[in-house]
Amino acid sequence: MEDLGILIADQDTEFLREVADSFTGAGYQVETTDSAVHIICNILKKQIPVVILGSDFDKRINPLQLMQLLKKCNRHLAVILVSDEASLPQVKRISKEKVLYQAFRPLSTA
C-alpha cells in the first residue's frame, strides 16, 4: 500500500490516541497536533492529503475559517470534521467549504 499521510487535530488527547492508533493499524502514516499553526505548516511543507479536524481543537480560530485557509493552501486537501453538533446552519457552511465528511465525536465509554 502506498504511504498515505493523515493529520489528526484535536485538544482531546484520548481521542487523538484512539484515532491515531486505528489509522496506524490500518497502515497509514499518522501525525497528531493540537495547534492550528502546526496544521498549516504541515499542509504547506508536506502536502498531507487528509486532515481530521476536531471542531473545538483550537479556541483561537473558528474551524470553518481554518478549513477555508487550509483549502487555500491545498485545494485538493480532504478535510473530515469531527463535531459534537450538526445544526442546519453549520451543515450548510460545511457543505459550502467542500468538507469531505462530517463525523460525530463518539460517546465516551467510561
PDB file of N, CA and C in Angstrom:
ATOM      1  N   MET A   1       0.848  -1.172   0.000  1.00  0.00           N
ATOM      2  CA  MET A   1       0.000   0.000   0.000  1.00  0.00           C
ATOM      3  C   MET A   1       0.897   1.239   0.000  1.00  0.00           C
ATOM      4  N   GLU A   2       0.540   2.215  -0.809  1.00  0.00           N
ATOM      5  CA  GLU A   2       1.272   3.477  -0.837  1.00  0.00           C
ATOM      6  C   GLU A   2       1.058   4.206   0.482  1.00  0.00           C
ATOM      7  N   ASP A   3       2.134   4.797   1.008  1.00  0.00           N
ATOM      8  CA  ASP A   3       2.008   5.537   2.265  1.00  0.00           C
ATOM      9  C   ASP A   3       1.074   6.715   2.079  1.00  0.00           C
ATOM     10  N   LEU A   4       0.078   6.806   2.932  1.00  0.00           N
ATOM     11  CA  LEU A   4      -0.873   7.903   2.898  1.00  0.00           C
ATOM     12  C   LEU A   4      -0.817   8.595   4.246  1.00  0.00           C
ATOM     13  N   GLY A   5      -0.600   9.895   4.223  1.00  0.00           N
ATOM     14  CA  GLY A   5      -0.494  10.644   5.466  1.00  0.00           C
ATOM     15  C   GLY A   5      -1.822  11.211   5.916  1.00  0.00           C
ATOM     16  N   ILE A   6      -2.024  11.167   7.202  1.00  0.00           N
ATOM     17  CA  ILE A   6      -3.216  11.740   7.823  1.00  0.00           C
ATOM     18  C   ILE A   6      -2.753  12.585   9.001  1.00  0.00           C
ATOM     19  N   LEU A   7      -3.289  13.789   9.088  1.00  0.00           N
ATOM     20  CA  LEU A   7      -3.013  14.661  10.221  1.00  0.00           C
ATOM     21  C   LEU A   7      -4.298  14.775  11.032  1.00  0.00           C
ATOM     22  N   ILE A   8      -4.219  14.447  12.323  1.00  0.00           N
ATOM     23  CA  ILE A   8      -5.384  14.495  13.202  1.00  0.00           C
ATOM     24  C   ILE A   8      -5.181  15.641  14.186  1.00  0.00           C
ATOM     25  N   ALA A   9      -6.146  16.556  14.259  1.00  0.00           N
ATOM     26  CA  ALA A   9      -6.025  17.740  15.112  1.00  0.00           C
ATOM     27  C   ALA A   9      -7.186  17.805  16.087  1.00  0.00           C
ATOM     28  N   ASP A  10      -6.844  17.817  17.388  1.00  0.00           N
ATOM     29  CA  ASP A  10      -7.870  17.922  18.420  1.00  0.00           C
ATOM     30  C   ASP A  10      -7.194  18.226  19.745  1.00  0.00           C
ATOM     31  N   GLN A  11      -7.936  18.752  20.710  1.00  0.00           N
ATOM     32  CA  GLN A  11      -7.428  19.013  22.055  1.00  0.00           C
ATOM     33  C   GLN A  11      -7.495  17.770  22.937  1.00  0.00           C
ATOM     34  N   ASP A  12      -8.387  16.854  22.625  1.00  0.00           N
ATOM     35  CA  ASP A  12      -8.631  15.667  23.435  1.00  0.00           C
ATOM     36  C   ASP A  12      -7.565  14.612  23.141  1.00  0.00           C
ATOM     37  N   THR A  13      -6.614  14.438  24.058  1.00  0.00           N
ATOM     38  CA  THR A  13      -5.505  13.512  23.826  1.00  0.00           C
ATOM     39  C   THR A  13      -5.975  12.060  23.741  1.00  0.00           C
ATOM     40  N   GLU A  14      -7.002  11.705  24.460  1.00  0.00           N
ATOM     41  CA  GLU A  14      -7.532  10.337  24.381  1.00  0.00           C
ATOM     42  C   GLU A  14      -8.118  10.072  22.998  1.00  0.00           C
ATOM     43  N   PHE A  15      -8.875  11.030  22.479  1.00  0.00           N
ATOM     44  CA  PHE A  15      -9.433  10.919  21.133  1.00  0.00           C
ATOM     45  C   PHE A  15      -8.303  10.814  20.112  1.00  0.00           C
ATOM     46  N   LEU A  16      -7.283  11.668  20.239  1.00  0.00           N
ATOM     47  CA  LEU A  16      -6.146  11.623  19.318  1.00  0.00           C
ATOM     48  C   LEU A  16      -5.495  10.249  19.322  1.00  0.00           C
ATOM     49  N   ARG A  17      -5.264   9.715  20.503  1.00  0.00           N
ATOM     50  CA  ARG A  17      -4.601   8.420  20.617  1.00  0.00           C
ATOM     51  C   ARG A  17      -5.424   7.312  19.972  1.00  0.00           C
ATOM     52  N   GLU A  18      -6.722   7.278  20.273  1.00  0.00           N
ATOM     53  CA  GLU A  18      -7.587   6.230  19.727  1.00  0.00           C
ATOM     54  C   GLU A  18      -7.662   6.285  18.209  1.00  0.00           C
ATOM     55  N   VAL A  19      -7.877   7.473  17.671  1.00  0.00           N
ATOM     56  CA  VAL A  19      -7.999   7.614  16.221  1.00  0.00           C
ATOM     57  C   VAL A  19      -6.655   7.335  15.545  1.00  0.00           C
ATOM     58  N   ALA A  20      -5.572   7.850  16.122  1.00  0.00           N
ATOM     59  CA  ALA A  20      -4.241   7.617  15.547  1.00  0.00           C
ATOM     60  C   ALA A  20      -3.911   6.128  15.552  1.00  0.00           C
ATOM     61  N   ASP A  21      -4.209   5.443  16.646  1.00  0.00           N
ATOM     62  CA  ASP A  21      -3.947   4.002  16.715  1.00  0.00           C
ATOM     63  C   ASP A  21      -4.728   3.232  15.645  1.00  0.00           C
ATOM     64  N   SER A  22      -5.970   3.624  15.429  1.00  0.00           N
ATOM     65  CA  SER A  22      -6.796   2.958  14.418  1.00  0.00           C
ATOM     66  C   SER A  22      -6.218   3.123  13.018  1.00  0.00           C
ATOM     67  N   PHE A  23      -5.841   4.344  12.674  1.00  0.00           N
ATOM     68  CA  PHE A  23      -5.307   4.590  11.339  1.00  0.00           C
ATOM     69  C   PHE A  23      -3.905   4.007  11.169  1.00  0.00           C
ATOM     70  N   THR A  24      -3.092   4.065  12.214  1.00  0.00           N
ATOM     71  CA  THR A  24      -1.757   3.478  12.151  1.00  0.00           C
ATOM     72  C   THR A  24      -1.865   1.967  11.933  1.00  0.00           C
ATOM     73  N   GLY A  25      -2.790   1.336  12.636  1.00  0.00           N
ATOM     74  CA  GLY A  25      -3.011  -0.096  12.470  1.00  0.00           C
ATOM     75  C   GLY A  25      -3.473  -0.475  11.075  1.00  0.00           C
ATOM     76  N   ALA A  26      -4.096   0.476  10.385  1.00  0.00           N
ATOM     77  CA  ALA A  26      -4.552   0.237   9.023  1.00  0.00           C
ATOM     78  C   ALA A  26      -3.473   0.570   7.983  1.00  0.00           C
ATOM     79  N   GLY A  27      -2.277   0.968   8.460  1.00  0.00           N
ATOM     80  CA  GLY A  27      -1.177   1.210   7.539  1.00  0.00           C
ATOM     81  C   GLY A  27      -0.948   2.652   7.129  1.00  0.00           C
ATOM     82  N   TYR A  28      -1.619   3.585   7.745  1.00  0.00           N
ATOM     83  CA  TYR A  28      -1.461   4.994   7.405  1.00  0.00           C
ATOM     84  C   TYR A  28      -0.331   5.629   8.223  1.00  0.00           C
ATOM     85  N   GLN A  29       0.297   6.638   7.655  1.00  0.00           N
ATOM     86  CA  GLN A  29       1.265   7.462   8.377  1.00  0.00           C
ATOM     87  C   GLN A  29       0.453   8.544   9.081  1.00  0.00           C
ATOM     88  N   VAL A  30       0.486   8.558  10.409  1.00  0.00           N
ATOM     89  CA  VAL A  30      -0.378   9.449  11.181  1.00  0.00           C
ATOM     90  C   VAL A  30       0.453  10.426  11.989  1.00  0.00           C
ATOM     91  N   GLU A  31       0.014  11.667  11.976  1.00  0.00           N
ATOM     92  CA  GLU A  31       0.602  12.699  12.826  1.00  0.00           C
ATOM     93  C   GLU A  31      -0.541  13.364  13.576  1.00  0.00           C
ATOM     94  N   THR A  32      -0.299  13.760  14.828  1.00  0.00           N
ATOM     95  CA  THR A  32      -1.338  14.415  15.627  1.00  0.00           C
ATOM     96  C   THR A  32      -0.852  15.783  16.095  1.00  0.00           C
ATOM     97  N   THR A  33      -1.815  16.673  16.352  1.00  0.00           N
ATOM     98  CA  THR A  33      -1.489  18.013  16.832  1.00  0.00           C
ATOM     99  C   THR A  33      -2.693  18.625  17.527  1.00  0.00           C
ATOM    100  N   ASP A  34      -2.417  19.693  18.284  1.00  0.00           N
ATOM    101  CA  ASP A  34      -3.496  20.484  18.875  1.00  0.00           C
ATOM    102  C   ASP A  34      -3.321  21.953  18.514  1.00  0.00           C
ATOM    103  N   SER A  35      -2.610  22.216  17.426  1.00  0.00           N
ATOM    104  CA  SER A  35      -2.267  23.587  17.044  1.00  0.00           C
ATOM    105  C   SER A  35      -2.623  23.880  15.587  1.00  0.00           C
ATOM    106  N   ALA A  36      -3.335  24.981  15.370  1.00  0.00           N
ATOM    107  CA  ALA A  36      -3.667  25.407  14.011  1.00  0.00           C
ATOM    108  C   ALA A  36      -2.404  25.742  13.219  1.00  0.00           C
ATOM    109  N   VAL A  37      -1.441  26.355  13.877  1.00  0.00           N
ATOM    110  CA  VAL A  37      -0.183  26.707  13.215  1.00  0.00           C
ATOM    111  C   VAL A  37       0.516  25.447  12.725  1.00  0.00           C
ATOM    112  N   HIS A  38       0.520  24.409  13.541  1.00  0.00           N
ATOM    113  CA  HIS A  38       1.146  23.143  13.161  1.00  0.00           C
ATOM    114  C   HIS A  38       0.460  22.546  11.937  1.00  0.00           C
ATOM    115  N   ILE A  39      -0.861  22.600  11.903  1.00  0.00           N
ATOM    116  CA  ILE A  39      -1.607  22.080  10.747  1.00  0.00           C
ATOM    117  C   ILE A  39      -1.193  22.820   9.486  1.00  0.00           C
ATOM    118  N   ILE A  40      -1.216  24.138   9.533  1.00  0.00           N
ATOM    119  CA  ILE A  40      -0.904  24.938   8.350  1.00  0.00           C
ATOM    120  C   ILE A  40       0.523  24.666   7.874  1.00  0.00           C
ATOM    121  N   CYS A  41       1.463  24.622   8.800  1.00  0.00           N
ATOM    122  CA  CYS A  41       2.862  24.347   8.429  1.00  0.00           C
ATOM    123  C   CYS A  41       2.986  22.983   7.760  1.00  0.00           C
ATOM    124  N   ASN A  42       2.319  21.978   8.307  1.00  0.00           N
ATOM    125  CA  ASN A  42       2.399  20.641   7.723  1.00  0.00           C
ATOM    126  C   ASN A  42       1.752  20.565   6.349  1.00  0.00           C
ATOM    127  N   ILE A  43       0.650  21.242   6.179  1.00  0.00           N
ATOM    128  CA  ILE A  43      -0.011  21.244   4.874  1.00  0.00           C
ATOM    129  C   ILE A  43       0.893  21.915   3.840  1.00  0.00           C
ATOM    130  N   LEU A  44       1.524  23.015   4.215  1.00  0.00           N
ATOM    131  CA  LEU A  44       2.412  23.722   3.290  1.00  0.00           C
ATOM    132  C   LEU A  44       3.695  22.941   2.992  1.00  0.00           C
ATOM    133  N   LYS A  45       4.264  22.301   3.990  1.00  0.00           N
ATOM    134  CA  LYS A  45       5.538  21.603   3.815  1.00  0.00           C
ATOM    135  C   LYS A  45       5.391  20.212   3.210  1.00  0.00           C
ATOM    136  N   LYS A  46       4.464  19.449   3.722  1.00  0.00           N
ATOM    137  CA  LYS A  46       4.391  18.040   3.353  1.00  0.00           C
ATOM    138  C   LYS A  46       3.270  17.708   2.383  1.00  0.00           C
ATOM    139  N   GLN A  47       2.361  18.611   2.190  1.00  0.00           N
ATOM    140  CA  GLN A  47       1.197  18.342   1.339  1.00  0.00           C
ATOM    141  C   GLN A  47       0.438  17.104   1.813  1.00  0.00           C
ATOM    142  N   ILE A  48       0.178  17.040   3.108  1.00  0.00           N
ATOM    143  CA  ILE A  48      -0.615  15.947   3.685  1.00  0.00           C
ATOM    144  C   ILE A  48      -1.992  15.968   3.027  1.00  0.00           C
ATOM    145  N   PRO A  49      -2.447  14.828   2.511  1.00  0.00           N
ATOM    146  CA  PRO A  49      -3.700  14.825   1.749  1.00  0.00           C
ATOM    147  C   PRO A  49      -4.977  14.800   2.579  1.00  0.00           C
ATOM    148  N   VAL A  50      -4.903  14.399   3.874  1.00  0.00           N
ATOM    149  CA  VAL A  50      -6.113  14.266   4.686  1.00  0.00           C
ATOM    150  C   VAL A  50      -5.889  14.883   6.060  1.00  0.00           C
ATOM    151  N   VAL A  51      -6.847  15.715   6.491  1.00  0.00           N
ATOM    152  CA  VAL A  51      -6.839  16.274   7.842  1.00  0.00           C
ATOM    153  C   VAL A  51      -8.147  15.890   8.517  1.00  0.00           C
ATOM    154  N   ILE A  52      -8.027  15.295   9.696  1.00  0.00           N
ATOM    155  CA  ILE A  52      -9.198  15.032  10.535  1.00  0.00           C
ATOM    156  C   ILE A  52      -9.173  16.116  11.606  1.00  0.00           C
ATOM    157  N   LEU A  53     -10.169  16.979  11.571  1.00  0.00           N
ATOM    158  CA  LEU A  53     -10.178  18.192  12.380  1.00  0.00           C
ATOM    159  C   LEU A  53     -11.279  18.145  13.428  1.00  0.00           C
ATOM    160  N   GLY A  54     -10.905  18.187  14.702  1.00  0.00           N
ATOM    161  CA  GLY A  54     -11.885  18.300  15.774  1.00  0.00           C
ATOM    162  C   GLY A  54     -12.470  19.703  15.769  1.00  0.00           C
ATOM    163  N   SER A  55     -13.751  19.835  16.023  1.00  0.00           N
ATOM    164  CA  SER A  55     -14.420  21.127  15.893  1.00  0.00           C
ATOM    165  C   SER A  55     -13.994  22.147  16.929  1.00  0.00           C
ATOM    166  N   ASP A  56     -13.427  21.725  18.047  1.00  0.00           N
ATOM    167  CA  ASP A  56     -13.035  22.688  19.075  1.00  0.00           C
ATOM    168  C   ASP A  56     -11.581  22.506  19.496  1.00  0.00           C
ATOM    169  N   PHE A  57     -10.738  22.101  18.552  1.00  0.00           N
ATOM    170  CA  PHE A  57      -9.369  21.780  18.922  1.00  0.00           C
ATOM    171  C   PHE A  57      -8.537  23.006  19.274  1.00  0.00           C
ATOM    172  N   ASP A  58      -8.824  24.152  18.707  1.00  0.00           N
ATOM    173  CA  ASP A  58      -8.032  25.352  18.967  1.00  0.00           C
ATOM    174  C   ASP A  58      -9.001  26.520  19.094  1.00  0.00           C
ATOM    175  N   LYS A  59      -9.132  27.053  20.289  1.00  0.00           N
ATOM    176  CA  LYS A  59     -10.113  28.111  20.562  1.00  0.00           C
ATOM    177  C   LYS A  59      -9.764  29.438  19.884  1.00  0.00           C
ATOM    178  N   ARG A  60      -8.545  29.565  19.372  1.00  0.00           N
ATOM    179  CA  ARG A  60      -8.124  30.838  18.771  1.00  0.00           C
ATOM    180  C   ARG A  60      -8.644  31.038  17.352  1.00  0.00           C
ATOM    181  N   ILE A  61      -9.124  29.973  16.716  1.00  0.00           N
ATOM    182  CA  ILE A  61      -9.598  30.102  15.344  1.00  0.00           C
ATOM    183  C   ILE A  61     -10.850  29.251  15.147  1.00  0.00           C
ATOM    184  N   ASN A  62     -11.804  29.785  14.434  1.00  0.00           N
ATOM    185  CA  ASN A  62     -13.039  29.095  14.103  1.00  0.00           C
ATOM    186  C   ASN A  62     -12.719  27.959  13.129  1.00  0.00           C
ATOM    187  N   PRO A  63     -13.262  26.753  13.351  1.00  0.00           N
ATOM    188  CA  PRO A  63     -12.951  25.629  12.465  1.00  0.00           C
ATOM    189  C   PRO A  63     -13.298  25.892  10.997  1.00  0.00           C
ATOM    190  N   LEU A  64     -14.396  26.603  10.746  1.00  0.00           N
ATOM    191  CA  LEU A  64     -14.762  26.890   9.360  1.00  0.00           C
ATOM    192  C   LEU A  64     -13.761  27.843   8.710  1.00  0.00           C
ATOM    193  N   GLN A  65     -13.273  28.817   9.467  1.00  0.00           N
ATOM    194  CA  GLN A  65     -12.251  29.719   8.930  1.00  0.00           C
ATOM    195  C   GLN A  65     -10.955  28.958   8.673  1.00  0.00           C
ATOM    196  N   LEU A  66     -10.612  28.043   9.560  1.00  0.00           N
ATOM    197  CA  LEU A  66      -9.420  27.236   9.366  1.00  0.00           C
ATOM    198  C   LEU A  66      -9.556  26.372   8.117  1.00  0.00           C
ATOM    199  N   MET A  67     -10.729  25.783   7.912  1.00  0.00           N
ATOM    200  CA  MET A  67     -10.940  24.965   6.712  1.00  0.00           C
ATOM    201  C   MET A  67     -10.772  25.792   5.448  1.00  0.00           C
ATOM    202  N   GLN A  68     -11.277  27.021   5.453  1.00  0.00           N
ATOM    203  CA  GLN A  68     -11.105  27.896   4.295  1.00  0.00           C
ATOM    204  C   GLN A  68      -9.627  28.149   4.023  1.00  0.00           C
ATOM    205  N   LEU A  69      -8.884  28.419   5.068  1.00  0.00           N
ATOM    206  CA  LEU A  69      -7.450  28.666   4.937  1.00  0.00           C
ATOM    207  C   LEU A  69      -6.715  27.421   4.439  1.00  0.00           C
ATOM    208  N   LEU A  70      -7.050  26.274   4.990  1.00  0.00           N
ATOM    209  CA  LEU A  70      -6.405  25.032   4.568  1.00  0.00           C
ATOM    210  C   LEU A  70      -6.678  24.734   3.099  1.00  0.00           C
ATOM    211  N   LYS A  71      -7.895  24.973   2.660  1.00  0.00           N
ATOM    212  CA  LYS A  71      -8.243  24.744   1.254  1.00  0.00           C
ATOM    213  C   LYS A  71      -7.481  25.700   0.334  1.00  0.00           C
ATOM    214  N   LYS A  72      -7.167  26.900   0.837  1.00  0.00           N
ATOM    215  CA  LYS A  72      -6.355  27.828   0.039  1.00  0.00           C
ATOM    216  C   LYS A  72      -4.914  27.347  -0.048  1.00  0.00           C
ATOM    217  N   CYS A  73      -4.432  26.686   0.995  1.00  0.00           N
ATOM    218  CA  CYS A  73      -3.072  26.139   0.997  1.00  0.00           C
ATOM    219  C   CYS A  73      -2.966  24.926   0.085  1.00  0.00           C
ATOM    220  N   ASN A  74      -4.027  24.131   0.033  1.00  0.00           N
ATOM    221  CA  ASN A  74      -4.032  22.917  -0.789  1.00  0.00           C
ATOM    222  C   ASN A  74      -5.472  22.626  -1.192  1.00  0.00           C
ATOM    223  N   ARG A  75      -5.828  22.971  -2.402  1.00  0.00           N
ATOM    224  CA  ARG A  75      -7.223  22.823  -2.832  1.00  0.00           C
ATOM    225  C   ARG A  75      -7.653  21.365  -2.952  1.00  0.00           C
ATOM    226  N   HIS A  76      -6.687  20.439  -2.985  1.00  0.00           N
ATOM    227  CA  HIS A  76      -7.005  19.013  -3.081  1.00  0.00           C
ATOM    228  C   HIS A  76      -7.095  18.343  -1.706  1.00  0.00           C
ATOM    229  N   LEU A  77      -6.904  19.109  -0.658  1.00  0.00           N
ATOM    230  CA  LEU A  77      -6.919  18.574   0.696  1.00  0.00           C
ATOM    231  C   LEU A  77      -8.299  18.028   1.045  1.00  0.00           C
ATOM    232  N   ALA A  78      -8.321  16.832   1.603  1.00  0.00           N
ATOM    233  CA  ALA A  78      -9.569  16.244   2.108  1.00  0.00           C
ATOM    234  C   ALA A  78      -9.659  16.561   3.597  1.00  0.00           C
ATOM    235  N   VAL A  79     -10.763  17.183   4.008  1.00  0.00           N
ATOM    236  CA  VAL A  79     -10.956  17.552   5.407  1.00  0.00           C
ATOM    237  C   VAL A  79     -12.146  16.768   5.947  1.00  0.00           C
ATOM    238  N   ILE A  80     -11.929  16.133   7.091  1.00  0.00           N
ATOM    239  CA  ILE A  80     -13.001  15.445   7.800  1.00  0.00           C
ATOM    240  C   ILE A  80     -13.187  16.195   9.115  1.00  0.00           C
ATOM    241  N   LEU A  81     -14.359  16.750   9.330  1.00  0.00           N
ATOM    242  CA  LEU A  81     -14.656  17.490  10.556  1.00  0.00           C
ATOM    243  C   LEU A  81     -15.349  16.573  11.548  1.00  0.00           C
ATOM    244  N   VAL A  82     -14.782  16.459  12.746  1.00  0.00           N
ATOM    245  CA  VAL A  82     -15.385  15.660  13.817  1.00  0.00           C
ATOM    246  C   VAL A  82     -16.006  16.651  14.791  1.00  0.00           C
ATOM    247  N   SER A  83     -17.322  16.534  14.981  1.00  0.00           N
ATOM    248  CA  SER A  83     -18.051  17.542  15.735  1.00  0.00           C
ATOM    249  C   SER A  83     -19.043  16.901  16.691  1.00  0.00           C
ATOM    250  N   ASP A  84     -19.437  17.670  17.697  1.00  0.00           N
ATOM    251  CA  ASP A  84     -20.478  17.235  18.623  1.00  0.00           C
ATOM    252  C   ASP A  84     -21.857  17.719  18.190  1.00  0.00           C
ATOM    253  N   GLU A  85     -21.887  18.603  17.222  1.00  0.00           N
ATOM    254  CA  GLU A  85     -23.176  19.171  16.822  1.00  0.00           C
ATOM    255  C   GLU A  85     -23.350  19.120  15.314  1.00  0.00           C
ATOM    256  N   ALA A  86     -24.588  19.223  14.886  1.00  0.00           N
ATOM    257  CA  ALA A  86     -24.884  19.231  13.462  1.00  0.00           C
ATOM    258  C   ALA A  86     -26.096  20.106  13.200  1.00  0.00           C
ATOM    259  N   SER A  87     -25.999  21.375  13.574  1.00  0.00           N
ATOM    260  CA  SER A  87     -27.101  22.284  13.304  1.00  0.00           C
ATOM    261  C   SER A  87     -27.181  22.527  11.798  1.00  0.00           C
ATOM    262  N   LEU A  88     -28.353  22.827  11.310  1.00  0.00           N
ATOM    263  CA  LEU A  88     -28.543  23.039   9.872  1.00  0.00           C
ATOM    264  C   LEU A  88     -27.629  24.142   9.333  1.00  0.00           C
ATOM    265  N   PRO A  89     -27.500  25.291  10.017  1.00  0.00           N
ATOM    266  CA  PRO A  89     -26.586  26.316   9.501  1.00  0.00           C
ATOM    267  C   PRO A  89     -25.134  25.828   9.416  1.00  0.00           C
ATOM    268  N   GLN A  90     -24.713  25.048  10.412  1.00  0.00           N
ATOM    269  CA  GLN A  90     -23.343  24.537  10.377  1.00  0.00           C
ATOM    270  C   GLN A  90     -23.159  23.552   9.219  1.00  0.00           C
ATOM    271  N   VAL A  91     -24.112  22.672   9.014  1.00  0.00           N
ATOM    272  CA  VAL A  91     -24.029  21.700   7.919  1.00  0.00           C
ATOM    273  C   VAL A  91     -23.965  22.419   6.578  1.00  0.00           C
ATOM    274  N   LYS A  92     -24.749  23.474   6.408  1.00  0.00           N
ATOM    275  CA  LYS A  92     -24.728  24.242   5.156  1.00  0.00           C
ATOM    276  C   LYS A  92     -23.371  24.903   4.935  1.00  0.00           C
ATOM    277  N   ARG A  93     -22.806  25.491   5.990  1.00  0.00           N
ATOM    278  CA  ARG A  93     -21.490  26.133   5.862  1.00  0.00           C
ATOM    279  C   ARG A  93     -20.421  25.103   5.538  1.00  0.00           C
ATOM    280  N   ILE A  94     -20.496  23.953   6.166  1.00  0.00           N
ATOM    281  CA  ILE A  94     -19.511  22.902   5.922  1.00  0.00           C
ATOM    282  C   ILE A  94     -19.610  22.415   4.478  1.00  0.00           C
ATOM    283  N   SER A  95     -20.820  22.222   3.985  1.00  0.00           N
ATOM    284  CA  SER A  95     -21.003  21.799   2.594  1.00  0.00           C
ATOM    285  C   SER A  95     -20.423  22.814   1.627  1.00  0.00           C
ATOM    286  N   LYS A  96     -20.622  24.076   1.931  1.00  0.00           N
ATOM    287  CA  LYS A  96     -20.117  25.138   1.071  1.00  0.00           C
ATOM    288  C   LYS A  96     -18.583  25.118   0.996  1.00  0.00           C
ATOM    289  N   GLU A  97     -17.945  24.724   2.079  1.00  0.00           N
ATOM    290  CA  GLU A  97     -16.483  24.684   2.118  1.00  0.00           C
ATOM    291  C   GLU A  97     -15.914  23.392   1.518  1.00  0.00           C
ATOM    292  N   LYS A  98     -16.788  22.547   1.014  1.00  0.00           N
ATOM    293  CA  LYS A  98     -16.383  21.291   0.381  1.00  0.00           C
ATOM    294  C   LYS A  98     -15.594  20.385   1.321  1.00  0.00           C
ATOM    295  N   VAL A  99     -16.086  20.284   2.535  1.00  0.00           N
ATOM    296  CA  VAL A  99     -15.508  19.364   3.501  1.00  0.00           C
ATOM    297  C   VAL A  99     -15.885  17.960   3.046  1.00  0.00           C
ATOM    298  N   LEU A 100     -14.922  17.051   3.107  1.00  0.00           N
ATOM    299  CA  LEU A 100     -15.141  15.693   2.630  1.00  0.00           C
ATOM    300  C   LEU A 100     -16.261  15.003   3.401  1.00  0.00           C
ATOM    301  N   TYR A 101     -16.253  15.168   4.723  1.00  0.00           N
ATOM    302  CA  TYR A 101     -17.195  14.422   5.549  1.00  0.00           C
ATOM    303  C   TYR A 101     -17.286  15.070   6.915  1.00  0.00           C
ATOM    304  N   GLN A 102     -18.460  15.002   7.504  1.00  0.00           N
ATOM    305  CA  GLN A 102     -18.608  15.444   8.886  1.00  0.00           C
ATOM    306  C   GLN A 102     -18.969  14.224   9.714  1.00  0.00           C
ATOM    307  N   ALA A 103     -18.161  13.941  10.720  1.00  0.00           N
ATOM    308  CA  ALA A 103     -18.395  12.799  11.600  1.00  0.00           C
ATOM    309  C   ALA A 103     -18.726  13.309  12.992  1.00  0.00           C
ATOM    310  N   PHE A 104     -19.487  12.528  13.723  1.00  0.00           N
ATOM    311  CA  PHE A 104     -19.814  12.883  15.093  1.00  0.00           C
ATOM    312  C   PHE A 104     -18.798  12.255  16.032  1.00  0.00           C
ATOM    313  N   ARG A 105     -18.421  13.011  17.046  1.00  0.00           N
ATOM    314  CA  ARG A 105     -17.497  12.519  18.058  1.00  0.00           C
ATOM    315  C   ARG A 105     -18.158  11.354  18.781  1.00  0.00           C
ATOM    316  N   PRO A 106     -17.454  10.237  18.941  1.00  0.00           N
ATOM    317  CA  PRO A 106     -18.057   9.087  19.630  1.00  0.00           C
ATOM    318  C   PRO A 106     -18.321   9.393  21.105  1.00  0.00           C
ATOM    319  N   LEU A 107     -19.358   8.771  21.621  1.00  0.00           N
ATOM    320  CA  LEU A 107     -19.674   8.923  23.043  1.00  0.00           C
ATOM    321  C   LEU A 107     -18.614   8.209  23.871  1.00  0.00           C
ATOM    322  N   SER A 108     -18.327   8.751  25.006  1.00  0.00           N
ATOM    323  CA  SER A 108     -17.339   8.157  25.901  1.00  0.00           C
ATOM    324  C   SER A 108     -17.870   6.834  26.434  1.00  0.00           C
ATOM    325  N   THR A 109     -16.998   5.830  26.505  1.00  0.00           N
ATOM    326  CA  THR A 109     -17.404   4.540  27.038  1.00  0.00           C
ATOM    327  C   THR A 109     -17.154   4.445  28.536  1.00  0.00           C
ATOM    328  N   ALA A 110     -16.537   5.483  29.095  1.00  0.00           N
ATOM    329  CA  ALA A 110     -16.224   5.481  30.547  1.00  0.00           C
ATOM    330  C   ALA A 110     -17.412   5.877  31.367  1.00  0.00           C
TER     331      ALA A 110
END
